[in-house]
């Protein structure tokens, strides 16, 4: 429903600040559910959803909507686009713009091994050389793909395309 891509947008806005204009940043967020995408495009969240968001972040990147909720600002939305995609459709996957980083959190756990291999292979093909794939903490590429090199960080493993 948009929380993750908008969070990435906020992190980039906070980190790059005045330098943002010199970067070519596009956050493309995809989901199968059109209902979820409609909610994400609205970018409206209640206090409970924002309960762990620092107050200064809420004040800077969200606007009260007059109904007790908060809407992400146009500045945050400007970096994010939403689209519908079915990960089992090879044609749809090939239409996704090449990426430096792919986040696919808590999705492949629902697929059988054959589907996992197809999706991970499509992500590999999509990534630029030295690009990164990030999956959920309960997910692994073990026995799925040897194409990526795992890179270990404290509390996390990310997968890097080497070519």
C-alpha atoms as a PDB file:
ATOM      1  CA  UNK A   1       0.000   0.000   0.000  1.00  0.00           C
ATOM      2  CA  UNK A   2       2.945   2.305  -0.620  1.00  0.00           C
ATOM      3  CA  UNK A   3       4.715   2.411   2.722  1.00  0.00           C
ATOM      4  CA  UNK A   4       7.974   0.895   1.455  1.00  0.00           C
ATOM      5  CA  UNK A   5       8.451   2.949  -1.725  1.00  0.00           C
ATOM      6  CA  UNK A   6       7.459   6.159   0.046  1.00  0.00           C
ATOM      7  CA  UNK A   7       9.906   5.322   2.843  1.00  0.00           C
ATOM      8  CA  UNK A   8      12.663   4.882   0.251  1.00  0.00           C
ATOM      9  CA  UNK A   9      11.703   8.232  -1.255  1.00  0.00           C
ATOM     10  CA  UNK A  10      11.867   9.928   2.156  1.00  0.00           C
ATOM     11  CA  UNK A  11      15.250   8.350   2.906  1.00  0.00           C
ATOM     12  CA  UNK A  12      16.604   9.628  -0.412  1.00  0.00           C
ATOM     13  CA  UNK A  13      15.155  13.097   0.165  1.00  0.00           C
ATOM     14  CA  UNK A  14      16.686  13.205   3.646  1.00  0.00           C
ATOM     15  CA  UNK A  15      20.055  11.871   2.494  1.00  0.00           C
ATOM     16  CA  UNK A  16      20.557  13.763  -0.751  1.00  0.00           C
ATOM     17  CA  UNK A  17      18.685  16.999   0.044  1.00  0.00           C
ATOM     18  CA  UNK A  18      20.039  19.721  -2.288  1.00  0.00           C
ATOM     19  CA  UNK A  19      21.962  17.160  -4.358  1.00  0.00           C
ATOM     20  CA  UNK A  20      18.760  15.313  -5.323  1.00  0.00           C
ATOM     21  CA  UNK A  21      18.355  17.322  -8.534  1.00  0.00           C
ATOM     22  CA  UNK A  22      21.671  16.002  -9.833  1.00  0.00           C
ATOM     23  CA  UNK A  23      20.508  12.379  -9.517  1.00  0.00           C
ATOM     24  CA  UNK A  24      18.226  10.395 -11.843  1.00  0.00           C
ATOM     25  CA  UNK A  25      16.063   8.566  -9.331  1.00  0.00           C
ATOM     26  CA  UNK A  26      12.955   6.557 -10.146  1.00  0.00           C
ATOM     27  CA  UNK A  27      11.276   4.302  -7.639  1.00  0.00           C
ATOM     28  CA  UNK A  28       8.970   1.905  -9.448  1.00  0.00           C
ATOM     29  CA  UNK A  29       6.612   0.024  -7.148  1.00  0.00           C
ATOM     30  CA  UNK A  30       4.615  -2.875  -8.518  1.00  0.00           C
ATOM     31  CA  UNK A  31       1.899  -5.131  -7.169  1.00  0.00           C
ATOM     32  CA  UNK A  32      -0.597  -7.588  -8.583  1.00  0.00           C
ATOM     33  CA  UNK A  33      -3.559  -6.088  -6.713  1.00  0.00           C
ATOM     34  CA  UNK A  34      -5.174  -3.028  -8.282  1.00  0.00           C
ATOM     35  CA  UNK A  35      -6.922  -2.350  -4.952  1.00  0.00           C
ATOM     36  CA  UNK A  36      -3.551  -2.142  -3.202  1.00  0.00           C
ATOM     37  CA  UNK A  37      -2.209   0.129  -5.950  1.00  0.00           C
ATOM     38  CA  UNK A  38      -5.158   2.531  -5.669  1.00  0.00           C
ATOM     39  CA  UNK A  39      -4.475   2.849  -1.942  1.00  0.00           C
ATOM     40  CA  UNK A  40      -0.737   3.315  -2.558  1.00  0.00           C
ATOM     41  CA  UNK A  41      -1.277   6.057  -5.141  1.00  0.00           C
ATOM     42  CA  UNK A  42      -3.485   7.943  -2.660  1.00  0.00           C
ATOM     43  CA  UNK A  43      -0.674   7.878  -0.117  1.00  0.00           C
ATOM     44  CA  UNK A  44      -2.951   8.424   2.883  1.00  0.00           C
ATOM     45  CA  UNK A  45      -2.058   6.827   6.202  1.00  0.00           C
ATOM     46  CA  UNK A  46      -3.516   6.887   9.694  1.00  0.00           C
ATOM     47  CA  UNK A  47      -1.740   7.563  12.973  1.00  0.00           C
ATOM     48  CA  UNK A  48      -1.375   3.857  13.694  1.00  0.00           C
ATOM     49  CA  UNK A  49       0.443   3.249  10.414  1.00  0.00           C
ATOM     50  CA  UNK A  50       2.812   6.127  11.213  1.00  0.00           C
ATOM     51  CA  UNK A  51       3.264   5.190  14.893  1.00  0.00           C
ATOM     52  CA  UNK A  52       6.965   4.311  14.490  1.00  0.00           C
ATOM     53  CA  UNK A  53       7.739   7.162  12.106  1.00  0.00           C
ATOM     54  CA  UNK A  54       9.755   9.919  13.784  1.00  0.00           C
ATOM     55  CA  UNK A  55       7.671  13.025  14.444  1.00  0.00           C
ATOM     56  CA  UNK A  56       9.990  15.297  12.437  1.00  0.00           C
ATOM     57  CA  UNK A  57       9.580  12.994   9.413  1.00  0.00           C
ATOM     58  CA  UNK A  58       5.777  13.092   9.688  1.00  0.00           C
ATOM     59  CA  UNK A  59       5.856  16.887  10.006  1.00  0.00           C
ATOM     60  CA  UNK A  60       8.136  17.309   7.000  1.00  0.00           C
ATOM     61  CA  UNK A  61       6.808  14.692   4.554  1.00  0.00           C
ATOM     62  CA  UNK A  62       3.120  14.290   5.430  1.00  0.00           C
ATOM     63  CA  UNK A  63       0.179  16.708   5.406  1.00  0.00           C
ATOM     64  CA  UNK A  64      -2.949  16.346   7.546  1.00  0.00           C
ATOM     65  CA  UNK A  65      -5.901  15.504   5.305  1.00  0.00           C
ATOM     66  CA  UNK A  66      -8.543  17.049   7.597  1.00  0.00           C
ATOM     67  CA  UNK A  67      -9.995  13.643   8.485  1.00  0.00           C
ATOM     68  CA  UNK A  68      -7.388  12.577  11.045  1.00  0.00           C
ATOM     69  CA  UNK A  69      -5.103  10.976   8.474  1.00  0.00           C
ATOM     70  CA  UNK A  70      -1.879  12.071   6.804  1.00  0.00           C
ATOM     71  CA  UNK A  71      -1.103  12.292   3.083  1.00  0.00           C
ATOM     72  CA  UNK A  72       2.446  12.013   1.739  1.00  0.00           C
ATOM     73  CA  UNK A  73       3.630  15.242   0.153  1.00  0.00           C
ATOM     74  CA  UNK A  74       3.956  15.721  -3.586  1.00  0.00           C
ATOM     75  CA  UNK A  75       7.734  15.904  -3.074  1.00  0.00           C
ATOM     76  CA  UNK A  76       7.720  12.328  -1.758  1.00  0.00           C
ATOM     77  CA  UNK A  77       5.289  11.140  -4.428  1.00  0.00           C
ATOM     78  CA  UNK A  78       7.352  12.682  -7.229  1.00  0.00           C
ATOM     79  CA  UNK A  79      10.005   9.953  -6.947  1.00  0.00           C
ATOM     80  CA  UNK A  80       7.545   7.037  -6.956  1.00  0.00           C
ATOM     81  CA  UNK A  81       5.403   5.483  -9.668  1.00  0.00           C
ATOM     82  CA  UNK A  82       3.081   2.534  -9.198  1.00  0.00           C
ATOM     83  CA  UNK A  83       2.163  -0.168 -11.680  1.00  0.00           C
ATOM     84  CA  UNK A  84       0.384  -3.473 -11.822  1.00  0.00           C
ATOM     85  CA  UNK A  85       2.483  -6.535 -12.590  1.00  0.00           C
ATOM     86  CA  UNK A  86       2.041 -10.268 -12.453  1.00  0.00           C
ATOM     87  CA  UNK A  87       5.405 -11.836 -11.642  1.00  0.00           C
ATOM     88  CA  UNK A  88       4.377 -15.046 -13.406  1.00  0.00           C
ATOM     89  CA  UNK A  89       4.007 -13.175 -16.720  1.00  0.00           C
ATOM     90  CA  UNK A  90       7.374 -13.168 -18.539  1.00  0.00           C
ATOM     91  CA  UNK A  91       6.264 -10.433 -20.957  1.00  0.00           C
ATOM     92  CA  UNK A  92       5.293  -8.081 -18.116  1.00  0.00           C
ATOM     93  CA  UNK A  93       8.584  -8.735 -16.344  1.00  0.00           C
ATOM     94  CA  UNK A  94      10.584  -7.849 -19.470  1.00  0.00           C
ATOM     95  CA  UNK A  95       8.817  -4.469 -19.675  1.00  0.00           C
ATOM     96  CA  UNK A  96      10.122  -3.362 -16.294  1.00  0.00           C
ATOM     97  CA  UNK A  97      12.761  -0.659 -16.692  1.00  0.00           C
ATOM     98  CA  UNK A  98      16.330  -1.789 -15.939  1.00  0.00           C
ATOM     99  CA  UNK A  99      17.215  -1.300 -12.291  1.00  0.00           C
ATOM    100  CA  UNK A 100      20.200  -0.759 -10.033  1.00  0.00           C
ATOM    101  CA  UNK A 101      18.355  -2.186  -7.031  1.00  0.00           C
ATOM    102  CA  UNK A 102      15.371  -4.534  -6.815  1.00  0.00           C
ATOM    103  CA  UNK A 103      13.490  -4.921  -3.548  1.00  0.00           C
ATOM    104  CA  UNK A 104      11.246  -7.974  -3.473  1.00  0.00           C
ATOM    105  CA  UNK A 105      10.398  -8.488   0.146  1.00  0.00           C
ATOM    106  CA  UNK A 106       8.236 -11.323   1.406  1.00  0.00           C
ATOM    107  CA  UNK A 107       6.936 -12.325  -2.016  1.00  0.00           C
ATOM    108  CA  UNK A 108       8.887 -15.356  -3.217  1.00  0.00           C
ATOM    109  CA  UNK A 109       7.985 -17.314  -0.077  1.00  0.00           C
ATOM    110  CA  UNK A 110       4.571 -17.834  -1.685  1.00  0.00           C
ATOM    111  CA  UNK A 111       5.956 -19.400  -4.890  1.00  0.00           C
ATOM    112  CA  UNK A 112       6.963 -22.953  -5.698  1.00  0.00           C
ATOM    113  CA  UNK A 113      10.625 -23.529  -6.588  1.00  0.00           C
ATOM    114  CA  UNK A 114      10.076 -23.333 -10.358  1.00  0.00           C
ATOM    115  CA  UNK A 115       8.295 -19.985 -10.050  1.00  0.00           C
ATOM    116  CA  UNK A 116      10.958 -18.697  -7.650  1.00  0.00           C
ATOM    117  CA  UNK A 117      13.664 -19.568 -10.175  1.00  0.00           C
ATOM    118  CA  UNK A 118      11.815 -17.806 -13.023  1.00  0.00           C
ATOM    119  CA  UNK A 119      11.221 -14.648 -10.987  1.00  0.00           C
ATOM    120  CA  UNK A 120      14.772 -14.482  -9.604  1.00  0.00           C
ATOM    121  CA  UNK A 121      16.161 -15.055 -13.108  1.00  0.00           C
ATOM    122  CA  UNK A 122      13.990 -12.199 -14.412  1.00  0.00           C
ATOM    123  CA  UNK A 123      15.281  -9.931 -11.637  1.00  0.00           C
ATOM    124  CA  UNK A 124      18.841 -10.896 -12.554  1.00  0.00           C
ATOM    125  CA  UNK A 125      18.204 -10.025 -16.204  1.00  0.00           C
ATOM    126  CA  UNK A 126      16.611  -6.734 -15.158  1.00  0.00           C
ATOM    127  CA  UNK A 127      19.502  -5.585 -12.991  1.00  0.00           C
ATOM    128  CA  UNK A 128      22.434  -3.591 -14.260  1.00  0.00           C
ATOM    129  CA  UNK A 129      25.850  -5.152 -13.630  1.00  0.00           C
ATOM    130  CA  UNK A 130      26.792  -4.771  -9.947  1.00  0.00           C
ATOM    131  CA  UNK A 131      23.113  -4.216  -9.113  1.00  0.00           C
ATOM    132  CA  UNK A 132      21.540  -5.501  -5.923  1.00  0.00           C
ATOM    133  CA  UNK A 133      18.582  -7.706  -5.076  1.00  0.00           C
ATOM    134  CA  UNK A 134      17.093  -7.389  -1.589  1.00  0.00           C
ATOM    135  CA  UNK A 135      14.609  -9.973  -0.394  1.00  0.00           C
ATOM    136  CA  UNK A 136      12.808 -10.482   2.898  1.00  0.00           C
ATOM    137  CA  UNK A 137      14.729 -11.603   5.983  1.00  0.00           C
ATOM    138  CA  UNK A 138      12.856 -14.921   6.000  1.00  0.00           C
ATOM    139  CA  UNK A 139      13.693 -15.574   2.336  1.00  0.00           C
ATOM    140  CA  UNK A 140      16.816 -16.996   0.743  1.00  0.00           C
ATOM    141  CA  UNK A 141      18.202 -17.716  -2.713  1.00  0.00           C
ATOM    142  CA  UNK A 142      19.756 -20.929  -1.411  1.00  0.00           C
ATOM    143  CA  UNK A 143      18.831 -23.715  -3.870  1.00  0.00           C
ATOM    144  CA  UNK A 144      17.078 -21.112  -6.066  1.00  0.00           C
ATOM    145  CA  UNK A 145      19.915 -19.268  -7.806  1.00  0.00           C
ATOM    146  CA  UNK A 146      23.689 -19.200  -7.814  1.00  0.00           C
ATOM    147  CA  UNK A 147      23.815 -16.218 -10.182  1.00  0.00           C
ATOM    148  CA  UNK A 148      24.002 -13.648  -7.377  1.00  0.00           C
ATOM    149  CA  UNK A 149      26.842 -13.213  -4.909  1.00  0.00           C
ATOM    150  CA  UNK A 150      25.556 -12.913  -1.331  1.00  0.00           C
ATOM    151  CA  UNK A 151      26.981  -9.901   0.499  1.00  0.00           C
ATOM    152  CA  UNK A 152      26.733 -10.126   4.285  1.00  0.00           C
ATOM    153  CA  UNK A 153      25.977  -7.113   6.455  1.00  0.00           C
ATOM    154  CA  UNK A 154      25.156  -7.126  10.179  1.00  0.00           C
ATOM    155  CA  UNK A 155      21.612  -8.485  10.344  1.00  0.00           C
ATOM    156  CA  UNK A 156      21.138  -8.758   6.581  1.00  0.00           C
ATOM    157  CA  UNK A 157      22.207 -10.452   3.378  1.00  0.00           C
ATOM    158  CA  UNK A 158      21.893  -8.702   0.024  1.00  0.00           C
ATOM    159  CA  UNK A 159      22.518 -10.296  -3.348  1.00  0.00           C
ATOM    160  CA  UNK A 160      24.783  -8.696  -5.946  1.00  0.00           C
ATOM    161  CA  UNK A 161      24.880  -9.243  -9.693  1.00  0.00           C
ATOM    162  CA  UNK A 162      28.568  -9.600 -10.500  1.00  0.00           C
ATOM    163  CA  UNK A 163      28.913  -9.203 -14.272  1.00  0.00           C
END
